[in-house]
Amino acid sequence: MNPTVAKHLCEAAAWCIHAVSPFDLAASTRTADICPDLLRDQDHHGQLESIHSKTDTLENAVSQIRARRQQLIRSHGLKIPCIEYCLTAGRIYGTDFDTDVCEAATDVSNGFFDLSDIPGWDTWFAHQPGGRIQGIVFGWIPNEIAAPVGRGIWAIPVDSVWWVNEIPETAR
């Protein structure tokens, strides 16, 4: 993993450790102040349509999330953990948003995945260009929510979200 992506992963971890509540993953992983413009003021169908129909927007969305999250980290005075801690205290997932929108993951993930299988944007930290839609978005979650997120990943009948062991060098 390149140093810039590692820095962004650590910032995602700092925020998620502070903000994520396992009792309400829908709200606690979708902070309004972090929401990227791509997803703002739309229902879940509109958000997925934006992801699928526009080009170069996921990379911009991840960039906006990182900048907005950095501001919140500063304003809350949060400590940024080291990369070793992040890799043991949480898990990384990847998604390409190539979903069937079956709504199966929402309840079992306690809202981490919305009705269009979009994971909470507070967790997004990197983007890898390419692929069928707009590339892959990588996110970090604390171990305490790995079980409901894993149930959500398992419930989605297409391979649009998966656990990641290594971030490609091409991610940014």
C-alpha atoms as a PDB file:
ATOM      1  CA  MET A   1       0.000   0.000   0.000  1.00  0.00           C
ATOM      2  CA  ASN A   2       1.432   3.354  -0.942  1.00  0.00           C
ATOM      3  CA  PRO A   3       2.092   5.888   1.870  1.00  0.00           C
ATOM      4  CA  THR A   4      -0.675   8.277   0.792  1.00  0.00           C
ATOM      5  CA  VAL A   5      -3.319   5.551   0.848  1.00  0.00           C
ATOM      6  CA  ALA A   6      -1.984   4.349   4.215  1.00  0.00           C
ATOM      7  CA  LYS A   7      -2.400   7.893   5.581  1.00  0.00           C
ATOM      8  CA  HIS A   8      -5.995   8.033   4.322  1.00  0.00           C
ATOM      9  CA  LEU A   9      -6.738   4.603   5.808  1.00  0.00           C
ATOM     10  CA  CYS A  10      -5.450   5.804   9.202  1.00  0.00           C
ATOM     11  CA  GLU A  11      -7.640   8.907   8.991  1.00  0.00           C
ATOM     12  CA  ALA A  12     -10.686   6.764   8.158  1.00  0.00           C
ATOM     13  CA  ALA A  13      -9.874   4.600  11.163  1.00  0.00           C
ATOM     14  CA  ALA A  14      -9.525   7.626  13.445  1.00  0.00           C
ATOM     15  CA  TRP A  15     -12.933   8.910  12.410  1.00  0.00           C
ATOM     16  CA  CYS A  16     -14.685   5.542  12.490  1.00  0.00           C
ATOM     17  CA  ILE A  17     -13.288   4.688  15.921  1.00  0.00           C
ATOM     18  CA  HIS A  18     -14.752   7.998  17.115  1.00  0.00           C
ATOM     19  CA  ALA A  19     -18.077   8.053  15.258  1.00  0.00           C
ATOM     20  CA  VAL A  20     -19.298   4.549  14.426  1.00  0.00           C
ATOM     21  CA  SER A  21     -21.997   3.094  16.646  1.00  0.00           C
ATOM     22  CA  PRO A  22     -22.662  -0.629  16.204  1.00  0.00           C
ATOM     23  CA  PHE A  23     -26.277   0.039  17.215  1.00  0.00           C
ATOM     24  CA  ASP A  24     -27.007   2.322  14.249  1.00  0.00           C
ATOM     25  CA  LEU A  25     -24.630   1.791  11.368  1.00  0.00           C
ATOM     26  CA  ALA A  26     -26.973   3.540   8.923  1.00  0.00           C
ATOM     27  CA  ALA A  27     -26.566   6.920  10.632  1.00  0.00           C
ATOM     28  CA  SER A  28     -23.141   6.556  12.232  1.00  0.00           C
ATOM     29  CA  THR A  29     -21.374   5.668   8.958  1.00  0.00           C
ATOM     30  CA  ARG A  30     -23.136   8.377   6.936  1.00  0.00           C
ATOM     31  CA  THR A  31     -22.174  11.674   8.541  1.00  0.00           C
ATOM     32  CA  ALA A  32     -23.925  14.506   6.706  1.00  0.00           C
ATOM     33  CA  ASP A  33     -20.817  16.719   6.872  1.00  0.00           C
ATOM     34  CA  ILE A  34     -18.773  14.008   5.128  1.00  0.00           C
ATOM     35  CA  CYS A  35     -21.301  13.107   2.418  1.00  0.00           C
ATOM     36  CA  PRO A  36     -19.792  13.643  -1.044  1.00  0.00           C
ATOM     37  CA  ASP A  37     -21.619  15.838  -3.538  1.00  0.00           C
ATOM     38  CA  LEU A  38     -22.266  12.772  -5.731  1.00  0.00           C
ATOM     39  CA  LEU A  39     -24.573  11.307  -3.074  1.00  0.00           C
ATOM     40  CA  ARG A  40     -25.986  14.454  -1.487  1.00  0.00           C
ATOM     41  CA  ASP A  41     -29.732  15.154  -1.548  1.00  0.00           C
ATOM     42  CA  GLN A  42     -30.688  11.898  -3.260  1.00  0.00           C
ATOM     43  CA  ASP A  43     -32.401   8.722  -2.127  1.00  0.00           C
ATOM     44  CA  HIS A  44     -30.517   5.434  -2.413  1.00  0.00           C
ATOM     45  CA  HIS A  45     -31.799   4.820  -5.965  1.00  0.00           C
ATOM     46  CA  GLY A  46     -30.581   8.242  -7.097  1.00  0.00           C
ATOM     47  CA  GLN A  47     -27.233   7.694  -5.410  1.00  0.00           C
ATOM     48  CA  LEU A  48     -26.650   4.395  -7.193  1.00  0.00           C
ATOM     49  CA  GLU A  49     -27.810   5.891 -10.492  1.00  0.00           C
ATOM     50  CA  SER A  50     -25.276   8.707 -10.050  1.00  0.00           C
ATOM     51  CA  ILE A  51     -22.507   6.194  -9.371  1.00  0.00           C
ATOM     52  CA  HIS A  52     -23.457   4.139 -12.440  1.00  0.00           C
ATOM     53  CA  SER A  53     -24.200   6.910 -14.924  1.00  0.00           C
ATOM     54  CA  LYS A  54     -21.559   9.557 -14.318  1.00  0.00           C
ATOM     55  CA  THR A  55     -17.860   9.246 -15.056  1.00  0.00           C
ATOM     56  CA  ASP A  56     -14.908  10.143 -12.815  1.00  0.00           C
ATOM     57  CA  THR A  57     -17.276  10.847  -9.948  1.00  0.00           C
ATOM     58  CA  LEU A  58     -16.282   8.088  -7.500  1.00  0.00           C
ATOM     59  CA  GLU A  59     -12.683   9.248  -7.435  1.00  0.00           C
ATOM     60  CA  ASN A  60     -13.898  12.802  -6.777  1.00  0.00           C
ATOM     61  CA  ALA A  61     -16.334  11.526  -4.130  1.00  0.00           C
ATOM     62  CA  VAL A  62     -13.561   9.695  -2.252  1.00  0.00           C
ATOM     63  CA  SER A  63     -11.395  12.814  -2.440  1.00  0.00           C
ATOM     64  CA  GLN A  64     -14.220  14.945  -1.008  1.00  0.00           C
ATOM     65  CA  ILE A  65     -14.839  12.410   1.773  1.00  0.00           C
ATOM     66  CA  ARG A  66     -11.168  12.459   2.750  1.00  0.00           C
ATOM     67  CA  ALA A  67     -11.005  16.262   2.832  1.00  0.00           C
ATOM     68  CA  ARG A  68     -14.225  16.622   4.816  1.00  0.00           C
ATOM     69  CA  ARG A  69     -13.226  13.864   7.235  1.00  0.00           C
ATOM     70  CA  GLN A  70      -9.814  15.520   7.780  1.00  0.00           C
ATOM     71  CA  GLN A  71     -11.586  18.738   8.806  1.00  0.00           C
ATOM     72  CA  LEU A  72     -13.769  16.863  11.301  1.00  0.00           C
ATOM     73  CA  ILE A  73     -10.757  14.999  12.702  1.00  0.00           C
ATOM     74  CA  ARG A  74      -8.996  18.333  13.283  1.00  0.00           C
ATOM     75  CA  SER A  75     -12.057  20.002  14.805  1.00  0.00           C
ATOM     76  CA  HIS A  76     -12.603  17.060  17.185  1.00  0.00           C
ATOM     77  CA  GLY A  77      -8.887  16.811  18.022  1.00  0.00           C
ATOM     78  CA  LEU A  78      -8.797  13.116  17.168  1.00  0.00           C
ATOM     79  CA  LYS A  79      -5.554  11.170  17.273  1.00  0.00           C
ATOM     80  CA  ILE A  80      -4.544   9.375  14.059  1.00  0.00           C
ATOM     81  CA  PRO A  81      -3.576   5.750  14.780  1.00  0.00           C
ATOM     82  CA  CYS A  82      -0.561   4.094  13.173  1.00  0.00           C
ATOM     83  CA  ILE A  83      -1.070   1.806  10.186  1.00  0.00           C
ATOM     84  CA  GLU A  84      -0.193  -1.310  12.203  1.00  0.00           C
ATOM     85  CA  TYR A  85      -3.018  -0.556  14.617  1.00  0.00           C
ATOM     86  CA  CYS A  86      -5.462   0.033  11.755  1.00  0.00           C
ATOM     87  CA  LEU A  87      -4.616  -3.291  10.146  1.00  0.00           C
ATOM     88  CA  THR A  88      -5.261  -5.182  13.399  1.00  0.00           C
ATOM     89  CA  ALA A  89      -8.166  -3.134  14.808  1.00  0.00           C
ATOM     90  CA  GLY A  90     -10.274  -3.238  11.671  1.00  0.00           C
ATOM     91  CA  ARG A  91     -10.963  -4.714   8.282  1.00  0.00           C
ATOM     92  CA  ILE A  92     -10.789  -3.373   4.746  1.00  0.00           C
ATOM     93  CA  TYR A  93     -13.475  -4.003   2.170  1.00  0.00           C
ATOM     94  CA  GLY A  94     -13.718  -3.195  -1.521  1.00  0.00           C
ATOM     95  CA  THR A  95     -16.779  -2.477  -3.622  1.00  0.00           C
ATOM     96  CA  ASP A  96     -17.337  -1.878  -7.308  1.00  0.00           C
ATOM     97  CA  PHE A  97     -21.041  -0.966  -6.908  1.00  0.00           C
ATOM     98  CA  ASP A  98     -22.011  -3.614  -9.478  1.00  0.00           C
ATOM     99  CA  THR A  99     -25.024  -4.658  -7.436  1.00  0.00           C
ATOM    100  CA  ASP A 100     -28.441  -6.149  -8.098  1.00  0.00           C
ATOM    101  CA  VAL A 101     -30.088  -3.810  -5.537  1.00  0.00           C
ATOM    102  CA  CYS A 102     -31.947  -6.660  -3.869  1.00  0.00           C
ATOM    103  CA  GLU A 103     -32.097  -4.876  -0.486  1.00  0.00           C
ATOM    104  CA  ALA A 104     -30.975  -8.072   1.285  1.00  0.00           C
ATOM    105  CA  ALA A 105     -27.959  -6.536   3.027  1.00  0.00           C
ATOM    106  CA  THR A 106     -29.562  -3.589   4.819  1.00  0.00           C
ATOM    107  CA  ASP A 107     -31.191  -5.290   7.792  1.00  0.00           C
ATOM    108  CA  VAL A 108     -28.495  -7.903   8.402  1.00  0.00           C
ATOM    109  CA  SER A 109     -25.782  -5.202   8.327  1.00  0.00           C
ATOM    110  CA  ASN A 110     -27.707  -2.972  10.748  1.00  0.00           C
ATOM    111  CA  GLY A 111     -27.913  -0.344   8.011  1.00  0.00           C
ATOM    112  CA  PHE A 112     -24.239  -0.293   7.008  1.00  0.00           C
ATOM    113  CA  PHE A 113     -25.396  -1.171   3.485  1.00  0.00           C
ATOM    114  CA  ASP A 114     -28.342   0.901   2.303  1.00  0.00           C
ATOM    115  CA  LEU A 115     -31.180  -0.441   0.175  1.00  0.00           C
ATOM    116  CA  SER A 116     -28.962  -0.133  -2.927  1.00  0.00           C
ATOM    117  CA  ASP A 117     -26.040  -1.958  -1.240  1.00  0.00           C
ATOM    118  CA  ILE A 118     -24.019   1.249  -0.880  1.00  0.00           C
ATOM    119  CA  PRO A 119     -21.792   1.065   2.226  1.00  0.00           C
ATOM    120  CA  GLY A 120     -21.506   3.969   4.666  1.00  0.00           C
ATOM    121  CA  TRP A 121     -19.355   6.674   3.066  1.00  0.00           C
ATOM    122  CA  ASP A 122     -17.592   7.646   6.296  1.00  0.00           C
ATOM    123  CA  THR A 123     -15.520   4.468   5.864  1.00  0.00           C
ATOM    124  CA  TRP A 124     -14.303   5.141   2.295  1.00  0.00           C
ATOM    125  CA  PHE A 125     -10.614   6.017   2.026  1.00  0.00           C
ATOM    126  CA  ALA A 126      -9.252   5.054  -1.428  1.00  0.00           C
ATOM    127  CA  HIS A 127     -10.241   4.545  -5.040  1.00  0.00           C
ATOM    128  CA  GLN A 128      -8.724   2.336  -7.726  1.00  0.00           C
ATOM    129  CA  PRO A 129      -9.618   3.376 -11.283  1.00  0.00           C
ATOM    130  CA  GLY A 130     -10.795   0.889 -13.892  1.00  0.00           C
ATOM    131  CA  GLY A 131     -13.388  -1.813 -14.047  1.00  0.00           C
ATOM    132  CA  ARG A 132     -16.875  -1.888 -15.477  1.00  0.00           C
ATOM    133  CA  ILE A 133     -18.467   0.957 -13.571  1.00  0.00           C
ATOM    134  CA  GLN A 134     -16.031   3.429 -12.008  1.00  0.00           C
ATOM    135  CA  GLY A 135     -13.395   1.318 -10.364  1.00  0.00           C
ATOM    136  CA  ILE A 136     -13.195   0.112  -6.793  1.00  0.00           C
ATOM    137  CA  VAL A 137     -13.762   2.040  -3.585  1.00  0.00           C
ATOM    138  CA  PHE A 138     -11.973   0.785  -0.479  1.00  0.00           C
ATOM    139  CA  GLY A 139     -13.289   1.293   3.026  1.00  0.00           C
ATOM    140  CA  TRP A 140     -12.161   0.548   6.583  1.00  0.00           C
ATOM    141  CA  ILE A 141     -14.390  -0.645   9.410  1.00  0.00           C
ATOM    142  CA  PRO A 142     -13.564  -1.318  13.072  1.00  0.00           C
ATOM    143  CA  ASN A 143     -13.557  -4.966  14.129  1.00  0.00           C
ATOM    144  CA  GLU A 144     -16.545  -4.362  16.392  1.00  0.00           C
ATOM    145  CA  ILE A 145     -18.811  -4.065  13.344  1.00  0.00           C
ATOM    146  CA  ALA A 146     -17.144  -6.742  11.192  1.00  0.00           C
ATOM    147  CA  ALA A 147     -19.881  -9.288  11.985  1.00  0.00           C
ATOM    148  CA  PRO A 148     -22.862  -7.235  10.738  1.00  0.00           C
ATOM    149  CA  VAL A 149     -20.866  -5.912   7.765  1.00  0.00           C
ATOM    150  CA  GLY A 150     -19.799  -9.477   6.951  1.00  0.00           C
ATOM    151  CA  ARG A 151     -23.434 -10.613   7.100  1.00  0.00           C
ATOM    152  CA  GLY A 152     -24.255  -7.834   4.641  1.00  0.00           C
ATOM    153  CA  ILE A 153     -21.447  -8.851   2.295  1.00  0.00           C
ATOM    154  CA  TRP A 154     -22.656 -12.447   2.450  1.00  0.00           C
ATOM    155  CA  ALA A 155     -26.304 -11.442   1.830  1.00  0.00           C
ATOM    156  CA  ILE A 156     -25.593  -9.557  -1.397  1.00  0.00           C
ATOM    157  CA  PRO A 157     -26.062 -12.240  -4.080  1.00  0.00           C
ATOM    158  CA  VAL A 158     -23.534 -10.706  -6.488  1.00  0.00           C
ATOM    159  CA  ASP A 159     -19.846 -10.175  -5.758  1.00  0.00           C
ATOM    160  CA  SER A 160     -20.047  -6.400  -5.515  1.00  0.00           C
ATOM    161  CA  VAL A 161     -18.456  -6.142  -2.037  1.00  0.00           C
ATOM    162  CA  TRP A 162     -15.644  -8.258  -0.610  1.00  0.00           C
ATOM    163  CA  TRP A 163     -13.025  -8.307   2.147  1.00  0.00           C
ATOM    164  CA  VAL A 164      -9.605  -7.070   1.033  1.00  0.00           C
ATOM    165  CA  ASN A 165      -6.250  -8.307   2.315  1.00  0.00           C
ATOM    166  CA  GLU A 166      -4.046  -6.003   0.276  1.00  0.00           C
ATOM    167  CA  ILE A 167      -4.609  -2.608  -1.354  1.00  0.00           C
ATOM    168  CA  PRO A 168      -3.185  -2.441  -4.905  1.00  0.00           C
ATOM    169  CA  GLU A 169      -0.442   0.116  -5.528  1.00  0.00           C
ATOM    170  CA  THR A 170      -2.679   1.672  -8.206  1.00  0.00           C
ATOM    171  CA  ALA A 171      -5.215   2.773  -5.567  1.00  0.00           C
ATOM    172  CA  ARG A 172      -5.138   6.437  -4.679  1.00  0.00           C
END
